[in-house]
């Protein structure tokens, strides 16, 4: 094989080699680019979901505090102290109301469908998993599953059994309020106080958990924003 032929084959080989390597590099670049775009879209979706979750959690916190105010009102009521009964119907409902967190899972579901490893930052990925699989789970269990933390099923009937003789209704059966003089024995008052104490304790515990989880939500949201920028 002469020198010219060798040069020809060498040139052809180099041309093919460069073309293959370039194609591989381009394909790899496209894969990395597409993965980065997918990562950014998912993180943006998670960040927007956290914004909605924060609004929902803040609403639940406000409502729990309203329930605590109702608790104080009924403590005064059973001791025949002057109370404002303008919103007594609402307060009696709030006294036993539980507040279910509505968590936006679309971003996290998209992440799991794409593979958790699409989040390149290990610390950020761990934060996301911890928020959705641990901290959110705490609130859902407290509000929906743990029996001793449920207000209405545990406390409405025993409280209502003691208070309903003093409730005022109109001819249409609408609840108007309570009589000014509520004649309860000391034993009955203590029984009601024990229910009010437990309702208050449960709500304060939930509020403490809400505060913790909200801090984790805000921390993750801030870290996502820094990472995207």
Protein backbone atom coordinates (compact mmCIF):
# COMPACT_ATOMS: atom_id res chain seq x y z
CA UNK A 1 0.00 0.00 0.00
CA UNK A 2 1.59 3.27 -1.07
CA UNK A 3 1.95 6.44 0.91
CA UNK A 4 -0.94 8.18 -0.84
CA UNK A 5 -3.32 5.34 0.01
CA UNK A 6 -2.29 5.45 3.68
CA UNK A 7 -2.94 9.16 3.82
CA UNK A 8 -6.32 8.62 2.23
CA UNK A 9 -7.36 5.95 4.73
CA UNK A 10 -5.97 7.94 7.65
CA UNK A 11 -7.93 11.00 6.55
CA UNK A 12 -11.13 8.97 6.13
CA UNK A 13 -10.64 7.31 9.52
CA UNK A 14 -10.04 10.65 11.23
CA UNK A 15 -13.08 12.14 9.48
CA UNK A 16 -15.31 9.27 10.64
CA UNK A 17 -13.82 9.35 14.15
CA UNK A 18 -14.36 13.11 14.46
CA UNK A 19 -17.91 12.79 13.12
CA UNK A 20 -18.76 10.00 15.61
CA UNK A 21 -17.21 11.83 18.55
CA UNK A 22 -18.93 15.07 17.55
CA UNK A 23 -22.29 13.31 17.23
CA UNK A 24 -21.80 11.65 20.61
CA UNK A 25 -20.79 14.96 22.21
CA UNK A 26 -23.77 16.73 20.63
CA UNK A 27 -26.13 14.00 21.80
CA UNK A 28 -24.66 14.12 25.28
CA UNK A 29 -24.95 17.92 25.31
CA UNK A 30 -28.60 17.64 24.27
CA UNK A 31 -29.27 15.09 27.03
CA UNK A 32 -27.67 17.35 29.64
CA UNK A 33 -29.54 20.37 28.32
CA UNK A 34 -32.89 18.56 28.29
CA UNK A 35 -32.27 17.19 31.79
CA UNK A 36 -31.46 20.70 33.01
CA UNK A 37 -34.63 22.10 31.42
CA UNK A 38 -36.69 19.32 33.03
CA UNK A 39 -35.01 19.97 36.38
CA UNK A 40 -35.80 23.68 36.19
CA UNK A 41 -39.44 23.04 35.23
CA UNK A 42 -39.94 20.56 38.08
CA UNK A 43 -38.26 22.82 40.64
CA UNK A 44 -40.40 25.75 39.48
CA UNK A 45 -43.50 23.59 39.84
CA UNK A 46 -42.44 22.53 43.34
CA UNK A 47 -41.72 26.15 44.32
CA UNK A 48 -45.15 27.27 43.07
CA UNK A 49 -46.74 24.35 44.90
CA UNK A 50 -45.04 25.42 48.14
CA UNK A 51 -46.50 28.93 47.67
CA UNK A 52 -49.99 27.41 47.52
CA UNK A 53 -49.25 25.14 50.49
CA UNK A 54 -48.06 28.11 52.53
CA UNK A 55 -51.34 29.92 51.86
CA UNK A 56 -53.30 26.84 52.92
CA UNK A 57 -51.19 26.32 56.06
CA UNK A 58 -51.49 30.00 57.00
CA UNK A 59 -55.27 29.68 56.66
CA UNK A 60 -55.27 26.65 58.96
CA UNK A 61 -53.12 28.50 61.50
CA UNK A 62 -55.56 31.43 61.50
CA UNK A 63 -58.49 29.06 61.96
CA UNK A 64 -56.82 27.19 64.82
CA UNK A 65 -56.25 30.52 66.55
CA UNK A 66 -59.92 31.40 66.04
CA UNK A 67 -60.78 28.06 67.62
CA UNK A 68 -58.55 28.92 70.59
CA UNK A 69 -60.47 32.20 70.97
CA UNK A 70 -63.73 30.24 70.91
CA UNK A 71 -62.30 27.98 73.60
CA UNK A 72 -61.70 30.99 75.84
CA UNK A 73 -65.21 32.27 75.16
CA UNK A 74 -66.85 29.02 76.24
CA UNK A 75 -64.68 28.81 79.34
CA UNK A 76 -66.08 32.19 80.34
CA UNK A 77 -69.59 31.19 79.31
CA UNK A 78 -69.84 28.16 81.62
CA UNK A 79 -68.78 30.39 84.54
CA UNK A 80 -71.52 32.90 83.63
CA UNK A 81 -69.04 35.63 82.75
CA UNK A 82 -70.12 38.26 80.21
CA UNK A 83 -69.35 37.09 76.69
CA UNK A 84 -70.09 38.49 73.23
CA UNK A 85 -72.58 36.11 71.60
CA UNK A 86 -72.78 37.99 68.30
CA UNK A 87 -70.92 35.17 66.50
CA UNK A 88 -71.74 32.39 68.93
CA UNK A 89 -72.95 30.00 66.20
CA UNK A 90 -69.64 30.32 64.38
CA UNK A 91 -67.70 30.02 67.65
CA UNK A 92 -69.53 26.84 68.64
CA UNK A 93 -68.62 25.29 65.29
CA UNK A 94 -65.01 26.48 65.52
CA UNK A 95 -64.69 25.04 69.01
CA UNK A 96 -64.67 21.53 67.52
CA UNK A 97 -63.53 22.14 63.95
CA UNK A 98 -60.56 20.24 62.52
CA UNK A 99 -58.64 21.77 59.59
CA UNK A 100 -57.32 19.45 56.90
CA UNK A 101 -54.16 20.60 55.06
CA UNK A 102 -54.59 20.54 51.27
CA UNK A 103 -51.11 19.78 49.97
CA UNK A 104 -50.18 20.40 46.33
CA UNK A 105 -48.32 17.24 45.24
CA UNK A 106 -48.13 17.82 41.47
CA UNK A 107 -44.50 19.03 41.48
CA UNK A 108 -43.31 16.18 43.70
CA UNK A 109 -45.21 13.61 41.62
CA UNK A 110 -43.55 15.01 38.49
CA UNK A 111 -40.17 14.69 40.20
CA UNK A 112 -40.76 11.06 41.17
CA UNK A 113 -41.96 10.25 37.65
CA UNK A 114 -38.80 11.78 36.15
CA UNK A 115 -36.51 10.20 38.74
CA UNK A 116 -35.28 11.87 41.92
CA UNK A 117 -31.73 12.01 40.53
CA UNK A 118 -32.82 14.66 38.03
CA UNK A 119 -32.19 17.12 40.89
CA UNK A 120 -28.42 17.37 40.65
CA UNK A 121 -27.91 19.10 43.98
CA UNK A 122 -27.91 16.38 46.65
CA UNK A 123 -28.77 18.72 49.52
CA UNK A 124 -31.70 20.24 47.64
CA UNK A 125 -32.98 16.81 46.63
CA UNK A 126 -32.86 15.64 50.27
CA UNK A 127 -34.74 18.77 51.41
CA UNK A 128 -37.52 18.11 48.91
CA UNK A 129 -37.88 14.47 49.95
CA UNK A 130 -37.86 15.41 53.64
CA UNK A 131 -40.58 18.05 53.18
CA UNK A 132 -42.97 15.88 51.19
CA UNK A 133 -42.36 12.47 52.76
CA UNK A 134 -41.77 13.53 56.38
CA UNK A 135 -42.86 17.04 57.37
CA UNK A 136 -46.07 17.14 55.30
CA UNK A 137 -46.84 13.66 56.57
CA UNK A 138 -46.68 14.95 60.15
CA UNK A 139 -49.40 17.51 59.50
CA UNK A 140 -51.65 15.12 57.61
CA UNK A 141 -51.46 12.58 60.43
CA UNK A 142 -52.05 15.18 63.14
CA UNK A 143 -55.06 16.68 61.38
CA UNK A 144 -56.61 13.55 59.88
CA UNK A 145 -55.38 10.30 61.40
CA UNK A 146 -54.20 10.39 65.02
CA UNK A 147 -57.38 9.71 66.98
CA UNK A 148 -56.52 11.61 70.15
CA UNK A 149 -55.93 14.80 68.11
CA UNK A 150 -59.37 14.84 66.48
CA UNK A 151 -61.59 17.54 67.98
CA UNK A 152 -65.10 16.87 66.68
CA UNK A 153 -65.29 13.07 67.09
CA UNK A 154 -63.86 13.17 70.61
CA UNK A 155 -65.37 16.28 72.19
CA UNK A 156 -68.53 17.50 70.46
CA UNK A 157 -70.93 14.98 71.99
CA UNK A 158 -69.75 15.18 75.64
CA UNK A 159 -69.64 19.00 75.52
CA UNK A 160 -72.96 19.27 73.71
CA UNK A 161 -74.61 16.84 76.15
CA UNK A 162 -73.81 19.27 78.97
CA UNK A 163 -74.55 22.54 77.14
CA UNK A 164 -77.60 21.76 74.98
CA UNK A 165 -80.12 22.36 77.82
CA UNK A 166 -79.03 26.02 77.76
CA UNK A 167 -79.17 26.53 73.99
CA UNK A 168 -81.82 28.86 72.50
CA UNK A 169 -83.55 28.03 69.20
CA UNK A 170 -86.19 29.87 67.22
CA UNK A 171 -89.36 28.31 65.80
CA UNK A 172 -87.50 27.27 62.64
CA UNK A 173 -84.92 25.37 64.70
CA UNK A 174 -82.10 27.86 64.12
CA UNK A 175 -79.57 28.09 66.94
CA UNK A 176 -79.57 31.64 68.34
CA UNK A 177 -77.28 31.47 71.35
CA UNK A 178 -77.01 30.42 74.97
CA UNK A 179 -78.99 31.48 78.00
CA UNK A 180 -77.31 34.09 80.19
CA UNK A 181 -77.57 31.93 83.28
CA UNK A 182 -76.00 28.52 82.71
CA UNK A 183 -76.68 26.43 85.80
CA UNK A 184 -73.99 23.77 85.96
CA UNK A 185 -72.72 21.89 88.96
CA UNK A 186 -69.08 22.25 89.94
CA UNK A 187 -68.50 18.70 88.73
CA UNK A 188 -70.01 19.51 85.33
CA UNK A 189 -67.92 22.67 85.06
CA UNK A 190 -64.76 20.71 85.81
CA UNK A 191 -65.74 18.12 83.23
CA UNK A 192 -66.17 20.85 80.61
CA UNK A 193 -62.92 22.50 81.67
CA UNK A 194 -61.13 19.18 81.12
CA UNK A 195 -62.50 19.01 77.56
CA UNK A 196 -61.60 22.66 76.87
CA UNK A 197 -58.11 22.09 78.27
CA UNK A 198 -57.52 19.11 75.99
CA UNK A 199 -58.90 20.93 72.94
CA UNK A 200 -56.58 23.86 73.70
CA UNK A 201 -53.56 21.60 74.28
CA UNK A 202 -54.12 19.73 71.02
CA UNK A 203 -54.46 22.94 69.03
CA UNK A 204 -51.34 24.48 70.56
CA UNK A 205 -49.41 21.32 69.72
CA UNK A 206 -50.66 21.44 66.12
CA UNK A 207 -49.75 25.12 65.87
CA UNK A 208 -46.22 24.29 67.01
CA UNK A 209 -45.95 21.65 64.27
CA UNK A 210 -47.36 24.07 61.68
CA UNK A 211 -44.70 26.61 62.64
CA UNK A 212 -41.93 24.02 62.22
CA UNK A 213 -43.19 22.80 58.84
CA UNK A 214 -43.75 26.35 57.55
CA UNK A 215 -40.12 27.15 58.38
CA UNK A 216 -39.02 24.08 56.38
CA UNK A 217 -41.27 25.12 53.47
CA UNK A 218 -39.87 28.66 53.39
CA UNK A 219 -36.30 27.39 53.67
CA UNK A 220 -36.77 24.98 50.76
CA UNK A 221 -38.49 27.63 48.64
CA UNK A 222 -35.60 30.04 49.23
CA UNK A 223 -33.01 27.38 48.35
CA UNK A 224 -34.87 26.50 45.14
CA UNK A 225 -34.94 30.17 44.14
CA UNK A 226 -31.19 30.51 44.78
CA UNK A 227 -30.48 27.34 42.80
CA UNK A 228 -32.60 28.44 39.83
CA UNK A 229 -30.96 31.86 39.79
